[in-house]
Amino acid sequence: MTSRFASAAEMMSRVLGMPDYAFATIGHPVSSATDDGLRDMARMALDQGRRLLLRP
């Protein structure tokens, strides 16, 4: 999820009965990001995803 839409994602998770649902958040906007910027965002999302999946 991009930072701009994180609050909408949090609201949807509450509405769908999963208020503590965690997700990765990257910068916004994506559409105008450079290739290097997109690589950085992808690395950030992967790091966050790993932490979410491997947390106790």
PDB file of N, CA and C in Angstrom:
ATOM      1  N   MET A   1       0.850  -1.154   0.000  1.00  0.00           N
ATOM      2  CA  MET A   1       0.000   0.000   0.000  1.00  0.00           C
ATOM      3  C   MET A   1       0.898   1.220   0.000  1.00  0.00           C
ATOM      4  N   THR A   2       0.520   2.242  -0.743  1.00  0.00           N
ATOM      5  CA  THR A   2       1.290   3.477  -0.670  1.00  0.00           C
ATOM      6  C   THR A   2       0.837   4.275   0.545  1.00  0.00           C
ATOM      7  N   SER A   3       1.735   5.106   1.042  1.00  0.00           N
ATOM      8  CA  SER A   3       1.451   5.874   2.255  1.00  0.00           C
ATOM      9  C   SER A   3       0.185   6.720   2.105  1.00  0.00           C
ATOM     10  N   ARG A   4      -0.087   7.183   0.919  1.00  0.00           N
ATOM     11  CA  ARG A   4      -1.270   8.025   0.677  1.00  0.00           C
ATOM     12  C   ARG A   4      -2.568   7.287   0.948  1.00  0.00           C
ATOM     13  N   PHE A   5      -2.576   5.975   0.731  1.00  0.00           N
ATOM     14  CA  PHE A   5      -3.806   5.195   0.864  1.00  0.00           C
ATOM     15  C   PHE A   5      -3.804   4.254   2.073  1.00  0.00           C
ATOM     16  N   ALA A   6      -2.805   4.381   2.937  1.00  0.00           N
ATOM     17  CA  ALA A   6      -2.715   3.504   4.109  1.00  0.00           C
ATOM     18  C   ALA A   6      -3.935   3.645   5.018  1.00  0.00           C
ATOM     19  N   SER A   7      -4.430   4.857   5.202  1.00  0.00           N
ATOM     20  CA  SER A   7      -5.598   5.027   6.089  1.00  0.00           C
ATOM     21  C   SER A   7      -6.832   4.351   5.490  1.00  0.00           C
ATOM     22  N   ALA A   8      -6.971   4.356   4.185  1.00  0.00           N
ATOM     23  CA  ALA A   8      -8.094   3.656   3.542  1.00  0.00           C
ATOM     24  C   ALA A   8      -7.956   2.145   3.729  1.00  0.00           C
ATOM     25  N   ALA A   9      -6.740   1.637   3.629  1.00  0.00           N
ATOM     26  CA  ALA A   9      -6.512   0.207   3.833  1.00  0.00           C
ATOM     27  C   ALA A   9      -6.803  -0.182   5.273  1.00  0.00           C
ATOM     28  N   GLU A  10      -6.411   0.652   6.217  1.00  0.00           N
ATOM     29  CA  GLU A  10      -6.705   0.384   7.630  1.00  0.00           C
ATOM     30  C   GLU A  10      -8.214   0.369   7.870  1.00  0.00           C
ATOM     31  N   MET A  11      -8.929   1.317   7.276  1.00  0.00           N
ATOM     32  CA  MET A  11     -10.377   1.355   7.420  1.00  0.00           C
ATOM     33  C   MET A  11     -11.010   0.090   6.834  1.00  0.00           C
ATOM     34  N   MET A  12     -10.565  -0.320   5.653  1.00  0.00           N
ATOM     35  CA  MET A  12     -11.121  -1.526   5.028  1.00  0.00           C
ATOM     36  C   MET A  12     -10.843  -2.764   5.869  1.00  0.00           C
ATOM     37  N   SER A  13      -9.680  -2.844   6.467  1.00  0.00           N
ATOM     38  CA  SER A  13      -9.389  -4.012   7.302  1.00  0.00           C
ATOM     39  C   SER A  13     -10.324  -4.042   8.512  1.00  0.00           C
ATOM     40  N   ARG A  14     -10.635  -2.884   9.078  1.00  0.00           N
ATOM     41  CA  ARG A  14     -11.602  -2.841  10.193  1.00  0.00           C
ATOM     42  C   ARG A  14     -12.992  -3.245   9.724  1.00  0.00           C
ATOM     43  N   VAL A  15     -13.426  -2.701   8.599  1.00  0.00           N
ATOM     44  CA  VAL A  15     -14.749  -3.002   8.055  1.00  0.00           C
ATOM     45  C   VAL A  15     -14.886  -4.495   7.760  1.00  0.00           C
ATOM     46  N   LEU A  16     -13.801  -5.117   7.317  1.00  0.00           N
ATOM     47  CA  LEU A  16     -13.819  -6.539   6.967  1.00  0.00           C
ATOM     48  C   LEU A  16     -13.560  -7.444   8.168  1.00  0.00           C
ATOM     49  N   GLY A  17     -13.509  -6.849   9.356  1.00  0.00           N
ATOM     50  CA  GLY A  17     -13.383  -7.640  10.571  1.00  0.00           C
ATOM     51  C   GLY A  17     -11.964  -8.047  10.941  1.00  0.00           C
ATOM     52  N   MET A  18     -10.974  -7.394  10.353  1.00  0.00           N
ATOM     53  CA  MET A  18      -9.583  -7.710  10.673  1.00  0.00           C
ATOM     54  C   MET A  18      -8.850  -6.421  11.055  1.00  0.00           C
ATOM     55  N   PRO A  19      -9.214  -5.818  12.199  1.00  0.00           N
ATOM     56  CA  PRO A  19      -8.677  -4.503  12.552  1.00  0.00           C
ATOM     57  C   PRO A  19      -7.164  -4.473  12.763  1.00  0.00           C
ATOM     58  N   ASP A  20      -6.551  -5.599  13.056  1.00  0.00           N
ATOM     59  CA  ASP A  20      -5.109  -5.627  13.293  1.00  0.00           C
ATOM     60  C   ASP A  20      -4.320  -6.122  12.083  1.00  0.00           C
ATOM     61  N   TYR A  21      -4.957  -6.189  10.916  1.00  0.00           N
ATOM     62  CA  TYR A  21      -4.283  -6.672   9.712  1.00  0.00           C
ATOM     63  C   TYR A  21      -3.110  -5.755   9.379  1.00  0.00           C
ATOM     64  N   ALA A  22      -1.968  -6.339   9.227  1.00  0.00           N
ATOM     65  CA  ALA A  22      -0.763  -5.555   8.940  1.00  0.00           C
ATOM     66  C   ALA A  22      -0.397  -5.680   7.464  1.00  0.00           C
ATOM     67  N   PHE A  23       0.137  -4.616   6.908  1.00  0.00           N
ATOM     68  CA  PHE A  23       0.540  -4.624   5.504  1.00  0.00           C
ATOM     69  C   PHE A  23       1.757  -3.725   5.328  1.00  0.00           C
ATOM     70  N   ALA A  24       2.475  -3.951   4.268  1.00  0.00           N
ATOM     71  CA  ALA A  24       3.641  -3.133   3.957  1.00  0.00           C
ATOM     72  C   ALA A  24       3.193  -1.796   3.378  1.00  0.00           C
ATOM     73  N   THR A  25       3.924  -0.752   3.705  1.00  0.00           N
ATOM     74  CA  THR A  25       3.619   0.586   3.196  1.00  0.00           C
ATOM     75  C   THR A  25       4.856   1.150   2.513  1.00  0.00           C
ATOM     76  N   ILE A  26       4.661   1.646   1.307  1.00  0.00           N
ATOM     77  CA  ILE A  26       5.742   2.285   0.557  1.00  0.00           C
ATOM     78  C   ILE A  26       5.368   3.727   0.264  1.00  0.00           C
ATOM     79  N   GLY A  27       6.316   4.468  -0.276  1.00  0.00           N
ATOM     80  CA  GLY A  27       6.087   5.877  -0.593  1.00  0.00           C
ATOM     81  C   GLY A  27       5.061   6.075  -1.702  1.00  0.00           C
ATOM     82  N   HIS A  28       4.624   7.302  -1.812  1.00  0.00           N
ATOM     83  CA  HIS A  28       3.638   7.683  -2.820  1.00  0.00           C
ATOM     84  C   HIS A  28       4.169   8.937  -3.500  1.00  0.00           C
ATOM     85  N   PRO A  29       4.003   9.087  -4.770  1.00  0.00           N
ATOM     86  CA  PRO A  29       3.336   8.203  -5.723  1.00  0.00           C
ATOM     87  C   PRO A  29       4.314   7.185  -6.324  1.00  0.00           C
ATOM     88  N   VAL A  30       3.746   6.154  -6.881  1.00  0.00           N
ATOM     89  CA  VAL A  30       4.527   5.122  -7.554  1.00  0.00           C
ATOM     90  C   VAL A  30       4.645   5.446  -9.037  1.00  0.00           C
ATOM     91  N   SER A  31       3.611   6.002  -9.600  1.00  0.00           N
ATOM     92  CA  SER A  31       3.558   6.213 -11.054  1.00  0.00           C
ATOM     93  C   SER A  31       4.664   7.120 -11.588  1.00  0.00           C
ATOM     94  N   SER A  32       5.149   8.036 -10.791  1.00  0.00           N
ATOM     95  CA  SER A  32       6.192   8.940 -11.266  1.00  0.00           C
ATOM     96  C   SER A  32       7.572   8.593 -10.714  1.00  0.00           C
ATOM     97  N   ALA A  33       7.675   7.467 -10.028  1.00  0.00           N
ATOM     98  CA  ALA A  33       8.963   7.069  -9.458  1.00  0.00           C
ATOM     99  C   ALA A  33       9.923   6.620 -10.562  1.00  0.00           C
ATOM    100  N   THR A  34      11.181   6.870 -10.337  1.00  0.00           N
ATOM    101  CA  THR A  34      12.216   6.410 -11.266  1.00  0.00           C
ATOM    102  C   THR A  34      12.427   4.911 -11.063  1.00  0.00           C
ATOM    103  N   ASP A  35      13.171   4.300 -11.950  1.00  0.00           N
ATOM    104  CA  ASP A  35      13.498   2.878 -11.783  1.00  0.00           C
ATOM    105  C   ASP A  35      14.204   2.635 -10.450  1.00  0.00           C
ATOM    106  N   ASP A  36      15.143   3.495 -10.119  1.00  0.00           N
ATOM    107  CA  ASP A  36      15.837   3.351  -8.839  1.00  0.00           C
ATOM    108  C   ASP A  36      14.877   3.540  -7.671  1.00  0.00           C
ATOM    109  N   GLY A  37      13.984   4.489  -7.795  1.00  0.00           N
ATOM    110  CA  GLY A  37      12.984   4.710  -6.752  1.00  0.00           C
ATOM    111  C   GLY A  37      12.084   3.505  -6.569  1.00  0.00           C
ATOM    112  N   LEU A  38      11.672   2.904  -7.684  1.00  0.00           N
ATOM    113  CA  LEU A  38      10.834   1.704  -7.615  1.00  0.00           C
ATOM    114  C   LEU A  38      11.588   0.542  -6.974  1.00  0.00           C
ATOM    115  N   ARG A  39      12.874   0.401  -7.294  1.00  0.00           N
ATOM    116  CA  ARG A  39      13.684  -0.650  -6.670  1.00  0.00           C
ATOM    117  C   ARG A  39      13.764  -0.436  -5.163  1.00  0.00           C
ATOM    118  N   ASP A  40      13.958   0.805  -4.750  1.00  0.00           N
ATOM    119  CA  ASP A  40      14.009   1.118  -3.320  1.00  0.00           C
ATOM    120  C   ASP A  40      12.681   0.788  -2.640  1.00  0.00           C
ATOM    121  N   MET A  41      11.581   1.142  -3.296  1.00  0.00           N
ATOM    122  CA  MET A  41      10.260   0.847  -2.733  1.00  0.00           C
ATOM    123  C   MET A  41      10.031  -0.665  -2.644  1.00  0.00           C
ATOM    124  N   ALA A  42      10.460  -1.380  -3.651  1.00  0.00           N
ATOM    125  CA  ALA A  42      10.305  -2.836  -3.649  1.00  0.00           C
ATOM    126  C   ALA A  42      11.117  -3.458  -2.520  1.00  0.00           C
ATOM    127  N   ARG A  43      12.345  -2.991  -2.331  1.00  0.00           N
ATOM    128  CA  ARG A  43      13.174  -3.504  -1.227  1.00  0.00           C
ATOM    129  C   ARG A  43      12.516  -3.211   0.114  1.00  0.00           C
ATOM    130  N   MET A  44      11.974  -2.012   0.254  1.00  0.00           N
ATOM    131  CA  MET A  44      11.312  -1.638   1.493  1.00  0.00           C
ATOM    132  C   MET A  44      10.105  -2.542   1.751  1.00  0.00           C
ATOM    133  N   ALA A  45       9.300  -2.771   0.720  1.00  0.00           N
ATOM    134  CA  ALA A  45       8.120  -3.636   0.866  1.00  0.00           C
ATOM    135  C   ALA A  45       8.537  -5.064   1.212  1.00  0.00           C
ATOM    136  N   LEU A  46       9.597  -5.554   0.587  1.00  0.00           N
ATOM    137  CA  LEU A  46      10.082  -6.904   0.896  1.00  0.00           C
ATOM    138  C   LEU A  46      10.561  -7.004   2.334  1.00  0.00           C
ATOM    139  N   ASP A  47      11.306  -6.014   2.786  1.00  0.00           N
ATOM    140  CA  ASP A  47      11.783  -6.017   4.176  1.00  0.00           C
ATOM    141  C   ASP A  47      10.606  -6.004   5.155  1.00  0.00           C
ATOM    142  N   GLN A  48       9.635  -5.154   4.879  1.00  0.00           N
ATOM    143  CA  GLN A  48       8.463  -5.090   5.752  1.00  0.00           C
ATOM    144  C   GLN A  48       7.688  -6.407   5.709  1.00  0.00           C
ATOM    145  N   GLY A  49       7.534  -6.964   4.520  1.00  0.00           N
ATOM    146  CA  GLY A  49       6.822  -8.227   4.368  1.00  0.00           C
ATOM    147  C   GLY A  49       7.491  -9.350   5.130  1.00  0.00           C
ATOM    148  N   ARG A  50       8.814  -9.426   5.052  1.00  0.00           N
ATOM    149  CA  ARG A  50       9.551 -10.432   5.816  1.00  0.00           C
ATOM    150  C   ARG A  50       9.291 -10.288   7.311  1.00  0.00           C
ATOM    151  N   ARG A  51       9.358  -9.059   7.800  1.00  0.00           N
ATOM    152  CA  ARG A  51       9.113  -8.831   9.236  1.00  0.00           C
ATOM    153  C   ARG A  51       7.689  -9.234   9.610  1.00  0.00           C
ATOM    154  N   LEU A  52       6.724  -8.933   8.747  1.00  0.00           N
ATOM    155  CA  LEU A  52       5.336  -9.289   9.034  1.00  0.00           C
ATOM    156  C   LEU A  52       5.141 -10.808   9.050  1.00  0.00           C
ATOM    157  N   LEU A  53       5.747 -11.491   8.107  1.00  0.00           N
ATOM    158  CA  LEU A  53       5.584 -12.935   8.007  1.00  0.00           C
ATOM    159  C   LEU A  53       6.352 -13.706   9.073  1.00  0.00           C
ATOM    160  N   LEU A  54       7.460 -13.159   9.527  1.00  0.00           N
ATOM    161  CA  LEU A  54       8.311 -13.891  10.441  1.00  0.00           C
ATOM    162  C   LEU A  54       8.181 -13.443  11.897  1.00  0.00           C
ATOM    163  N   ARG A  55       7.272 -12.557  12.177  1.00  0.00           N
ATOM    164  CA  ARG A  55       7.122 -12.108  13.559  1.00  0.00           C
ATOM    165  C   ARG A  55       6.523 -13.221  14.405  1.00  0.00           C
ATOM    166  N   PRO A  56       6.897 -13.243  15.669  1.00  0.00           N
ATOM    167  CA  PRO A  56       6.400 -14.306  16.573  1.00  0.00           C
ATOM    168  C   PRO A  56       4.908 -14.237  16.831  1.00  0.00           C
TER     169      PRO A  56
END
